[in-house]
Amino acid sequence: MPQGKPSVVPQDGLTTRQRRNRPLVVVHTGEMKGKSTAAFGLALRGWNQGWDIGVFQFVKSAKWKVGEENAFLALGRLHAETGEGGPVQWHKMGAGWSWSRKQGDSDDHAAAAREGWAEIARRLAAQTHDLYVLDEFTYPLKWGWIDVDEVVATLRDRPGHQHVVITGRDAPEALVEHADLVTRMTKVKHPMDAGTKGQRGIEW
């Protein structure tokens, strides 16, 4: 896509403006870091456009604090106080894989993840947000906690103009096939390969 120009113009009956403004499903997957970072960068651009941003973290511990959470909540307060940008909501929607142990067994975590997805599906039906960031959402899909076909059908049939970006390793093929934009993060080199632990401001 040199200079942002598509290499092929589809014969879909849409105008250039209609095609440019259609809602997208974006997937950032692969083994390397940067998946959530890319999603939150997109959310920053959306916030600047005045979009309503909804972030839904699925499998990080409820106690796990990421720098992006504090930053986006501050942007949400800025919008409430000045009208600049757009509103922001941040939710932790389930438990599961994490670097720390959590209470409950896998059935409890699966139920929490399903409840989280049900809430997102309700919001999609109600057209609550302009951009949904489903962070680490591929994990409950991979583990079978949430039905992939149901997710794809819900995304396909969502009304209005709602963008959805999904992050996490091992994105199911059905989701990859449905998505409009898919990036696979491939590791070339990482400081941890040389024994360096994660550091403040880089990993969190």
Protein backbone atom coordinates (compact mmCIF):
# COMPACT_ATOMS: atom_id res chain seq x y z
CA MET A 1 0.00 0.00 0.00
CA PRO A 2 2.37 2.79 -1.14
CA GLN A 3 1.25 6.18 0.13
CA GLY A 4 -1.86 4.61 1.64
CA LYS A 5 -3.29 3.57 -1.73
CA PRO A 6 -4.85 0.09 -1.99
CA SER A 7 -3.33 -2.22 -4.59
CA VAL A 8 -6.78 -3.52 -5.57
CA VAL A 9 -10.13 -1.71 -5.70
CA PRO A 10 -12.87 -4.25 -4.93
CA GLN A 11 -16.06 -4.34 -6.97
CA ASP A 12 -18.31 -4.19 -3.91
CA GLY A 13 -20.58 -1.31 -4.91
CA LEU A 14 -19.23 0.94 -2.14
CA THR A 15 -17.88 4.43 -2.62
CA THR A 16 -14.32 5.24 -1.60
CA ARG A 17 -15.66 7.11 1.44
CA GLN A 18 -17.89 4.20 2.48
CA ARG A 19 -15.05 1.73 2.13
CA ARG A 20 -12.65 3.98 4.03
CA ASN A 21 -15.04 4.44 6.95
CA ARG A 22 -16.22 0.87 7.44
CA PRO A 23 -15.77 -0.65 10.91
CA LEU A 24 -12.81 -3.00 11.28
CA VAL A 25 -11.88 -6.10 13.24
CA VAL A 26 -8.15 -5.98 14.02
CA VAL A 27 -6.11 -8.88 15.45
CA HIS A 28 -2.60 -8.59 16.89
CA THR A 29 -1.22 -12.07 17.56
CA GLY A 30 2.12 -13.94 17.56
CA GLU A 31 4.77 -14.82 20.11
CA MET A 32 6.52 -11.46 20.45
CA LYS A 33 5.72 -8.54 22.74
CA GLY A 34 4.01 -5.51 21.24
CA LYS A 35 0.50 -6.86 20.64
CA SER A 36 -1.19 -4.88 23.42
CA THR A 37 1.12 -1.94 22.76
CA ALA A 38 -0.11 -1.77 19.16
CA ALA A 39 -3.74 -2.00 20.28
CA PHE A 40 -3.36 0.79 22.81
CA GLY A 41 -1.60 2.95 20.24
CA LEU A 42 -4.65 2.53 18.01
CA ALA A 43 -6.87 3.42 20.98
CA LEU A 44 -4.87 6.60 21.55
CA ARG A 45 -5.51 7.67 17.98
CA GLY A 46 -9.20 6.86 18.43
CA TRP A 47 -9.37 8.86 21.66
CA ASN A 48 -7.87 11.83 19.83
CA GLN A 49 -10.68 11.53 17.26
CA GLY A 50 -13.24 11.74 20.07
CA TRP A 51 -14.13 8.05 20.00
CA ASP A 52 -15.69 6.30 22.97
CA ILE A 53 -13.05 3.76 24.07
CA GLY A 54 -13.83 0.52 25.90
CA VAL A 55 -10.90 -1.60 27.12
CA PHE A 56 -11.60 -5.15 28.31
CA GLN A 57 -8.70 -7.12 29.76
CA PHE A 58 -9.45 -10.81 29.99
CA VAL A 59 -6.71 -12.76 31.65
CA LYS A 60 -4.40 -10.51 33.56
CA SER A 61 -4.76 -10.63 37.32
CA ALA A 62 -7.19 -8.08 38.73
CA LYS A 63 -4.27 -6.86 40.85
CA TRP A 64 -1.98 -6.48 37.85
CA LYS A 65 -1.56 -2.81 37.03
CA VAL A 66 -0.34 -1.80 33.59
CA GLY A 67 0.86 1.66 32.70
CA GLU A 68 -1.69 1.98 29.91
CA GLU A 69 -4.55 1.59 32.38
CA ASN A 70 -3.46 4.60 34.43
CA ALA A 71 -2.80 6.63 31.29
CA PHE A 72 -6.18 5.88 29.69
CA LEU A 73 -8.11 6.49 32.89
CA ALA A 74 -6.38 9.87 33.12
CA LEU A 75 -7.44 10.59 29.54
CA GLY A 76 -10.98 9.62 30.49
CA ARG A 77 -10.90 12.12 33.36
CA LEU A 78 -9.52 14.77 31.01
CA HIS A 79 -12.45 14.20 28.66
CA ALA A 80 -14.95 14.42 31.52
CA GLU A 81 -13.42 17.67 32.74
CA THR A 82 -12.70 19.44 29.44
CA GLY A 83 -14.48 17.58 26.64
CA GLU A 84 -11.18 16.88 24.95
CA GLY A 85 -10.82 13.49 23.26
CA GLY A 86 -13.38 10.81 24.07
CA PRO A 87 -14.71 8.89 27.08
CA VAL A 88 -12.78 5.85 28.34
CA GLN A 89 -13.86 2.77 30.27
CA TRP A 90 -11.44 0.07 31.47
CA HIS A 91 -12.68 -3.32 32.67
CA LYS A 92 -11.06 -6.56 33.80
CA MET A 93 -13.37 -9.20 32.38
CA GLY A 94 -12.16 -12.54 33.69
CA ALA A 95 -9.29 -14.50 35.14
CA GLY A 96 -6.96 -17.10 33.76
CA TRP A 97 -3.39 -17.03 32.55
CA SER A 98 -1.20 -14.66 34.51
CA TRP A 99 2.18 -14.40 36.12
CA SER A 100 0.55 -14.75 39.54
CA ARG A 101 -1.69 -17.35 41.14
CA LYS A 102 -5.33 -16.45 41.63
CA GLN A 103 -8.13 -17.88 43.68
CA GLY A 104 -10.54 -20.29 42.03
CA ASP A 105 -10.08 -23.18 39.60
CA SER A 106 -10.22 -23.29 35.83
CA ASP A 107 -14.00 -23.67 35.84
CA ASP A 108 -14.30 -20.44 37.85
CA HIS A 109 -11.98 -18.64 35.44
CA ALA A 110 -13.86 -19.99 32.42
CA ALA A 111 -17.18 -18.81 33.84
CA ALA A 112 -15.73 -15.35 34.53
CA ALA A 113 -14.41 -15.13 30.98
CA ARG A 114 -17.79 -16.15 29.54
CA GLU A 115 -19.52 -13.51 31.64
CA GLY A 116 -17.04 -10.95 30.39
CA TRP A 117 -17.68 -11.86 26.77
CA ALA A 118 -21.46 -11.78 27.35
CA GLU A 119 -21.12 -8.21 28.61
CA ILE A 120 -19.12 -7.21 25.54
CA ALA A 121 -21.72 -8.82 23.26
CA ARG A 122 -24.42 -6.78 25.01
CA ARG A 123 -22.42 -3.60 24.50
CA LEU A 124 -21.86 -4.39 20.83
CA ALA A 125 -25.60 -4.90 20.37
CA ALA A 126 -26.25 -1.58 22.11
CA GLN A 127 -23.45 0.19 20.14
CA THR A 128 -21.93 1.40 23.42
CA HIS A 129 -18.38 2.15 22.24
CA ASP A 130 -16.65 3.26 19.05
CA LEU A 131 -13.56 1.14 19.73
CA TYR A 132 -13.31 -2.05 21.79
CA VAL A 133 -9.89 -3.28 22.88
CA LEU A 134 -10.20 -6.96 23.88
CA ASP A 135 -6.79 -7.42 25.46
CA GLU A 136 -5.46 -11.01 25.77
CA PHE A 137 -8.82 -12.27 24.44
CA THR A 138 -7.27 -15.04 22.36
CA TYR A 139 -6.47 -17.09 25.48
CA PRO A 140 -10.04 -17.90 26.58
CA LEU A 141 -10.77 -18.67 22.92
CA LYS A 142 -7.78 -21.00 22.67
CA TRP A 143 -8.71 -22.81 25.87
CA GLY A 144 -12.32 -23.33 24.75
CA TRP A 145 -13.77 -21.15 27.49
CA ILE A 146 -15.55 -19.00 24.89
CA ASP A 147 -16.91 -20.35 21.61
CA VAL A 148 -14.93 -19.01 18.65
CA ASP A 149 -17.80 -19.37 16.17
CA GLU A 150 -20.08 -17.38 18.48
CA VAL A 151 -17.51 -14.61 18.74
CA VAL A 152 -17.01 -14.46 14.97
CA ALA A 153 -20.78 -14.38 14.37
CA THR A 154 -21.24 -11.59 16.93
CA LEU A 155 -18.44 -9.54 15.38
CA ARG A 156 -19.79 -10.14 11.88
CA ASP A 157 -23.31 -9.06 12.82
CA ARG A 158 -22.44 -6.13 15.07
CA PRO A 159 -24.49 -3.05 14.17
CA GLY A 160 -23.37 0.49 13.49
CA HIS A 161 -19.78 1.67 13.28
CA GLN A 162 -17.80 -0.19 15.95
CA HIS A 163 -14.12 -1.08 15.63
CA VAL A 164 -12.80 -4.09 17.58
CA VAL A 165 -9.13 -4.91 18.21
CA ILE A 166 -8.15 -8.25 19.77
CA THR A 167 -4.75 -9.19 21.18
CA GLY A 168 -3.04 -12.36 22.35
CA ARG A 169 -1.01 -15.31 21.15
CA ASP A 170 -2.39 -18.15 19.03
CA ALA A 171 -5.42 -16.38 17.58
CA PRO A 172 -7.86 -19.03 16.29
CA GLU A 173 -7.84 -19.41 12.52
CA ALA A 174 -11.57 -18.63 12.25
CA LEU A 175 -10.94 -15.27 13.92
CA VAL A 176 -7.93 -14.58 11.70
CA GLU A 177 -10.00 -15.39 8.60
CA HIS A 178 -12.79 -13.03 9.69
CA ALA A 179 -10.57 -10.10 10.70
CA ASP A 180 -9.89 -7.19 8.37
CA LEU A 181 -6.36 -6.52 9.65
CA VAL A 182 -4.09 -9.18 11.16
CA THR A 183 -0.53 -8.72 12.44
CA ARG A 184 1.67 -11.54 13.71
CA MET A 185 4.43 -10.34 16.02
CA THR A 186 7.54 -12.42 15.30
CA LYS A 187 10.51 -12.33 17.63
CA VAL A 188 13.87 -11.41 16.15
CA LYS A 189 15.62 -10.50 19.42
CA HIS A 190 14.56 -9.82 23.00
CA PRO A 191 16.58 -8.68 26.07
CA MET A 192 15.25 -11.66 28.03
CA ASP A 193 17.18 -13.93 25.64
CA ALA A 194 20.32 -12.47 27.21
CA GLY A 195 19.03 -12.92 30.76
CA THR A 196 17.59 -9.43 31.24
CA LYS A 197 14.39 -9.30 33.25
CA GLY A 198 11.42 -7.08 32.36
CA GLN A 199 11.81 -3.46 33.32
CA ARG A 200 9.57 -0.64 34.38
CA GLY A 201 8.35 1.50 31.47
CA ILE A 202 9.12 -1.21 28.90
CA GLU A 203 7.06 -4.20 30.07
CA TRP A 204 4.64 -2.34 32.35
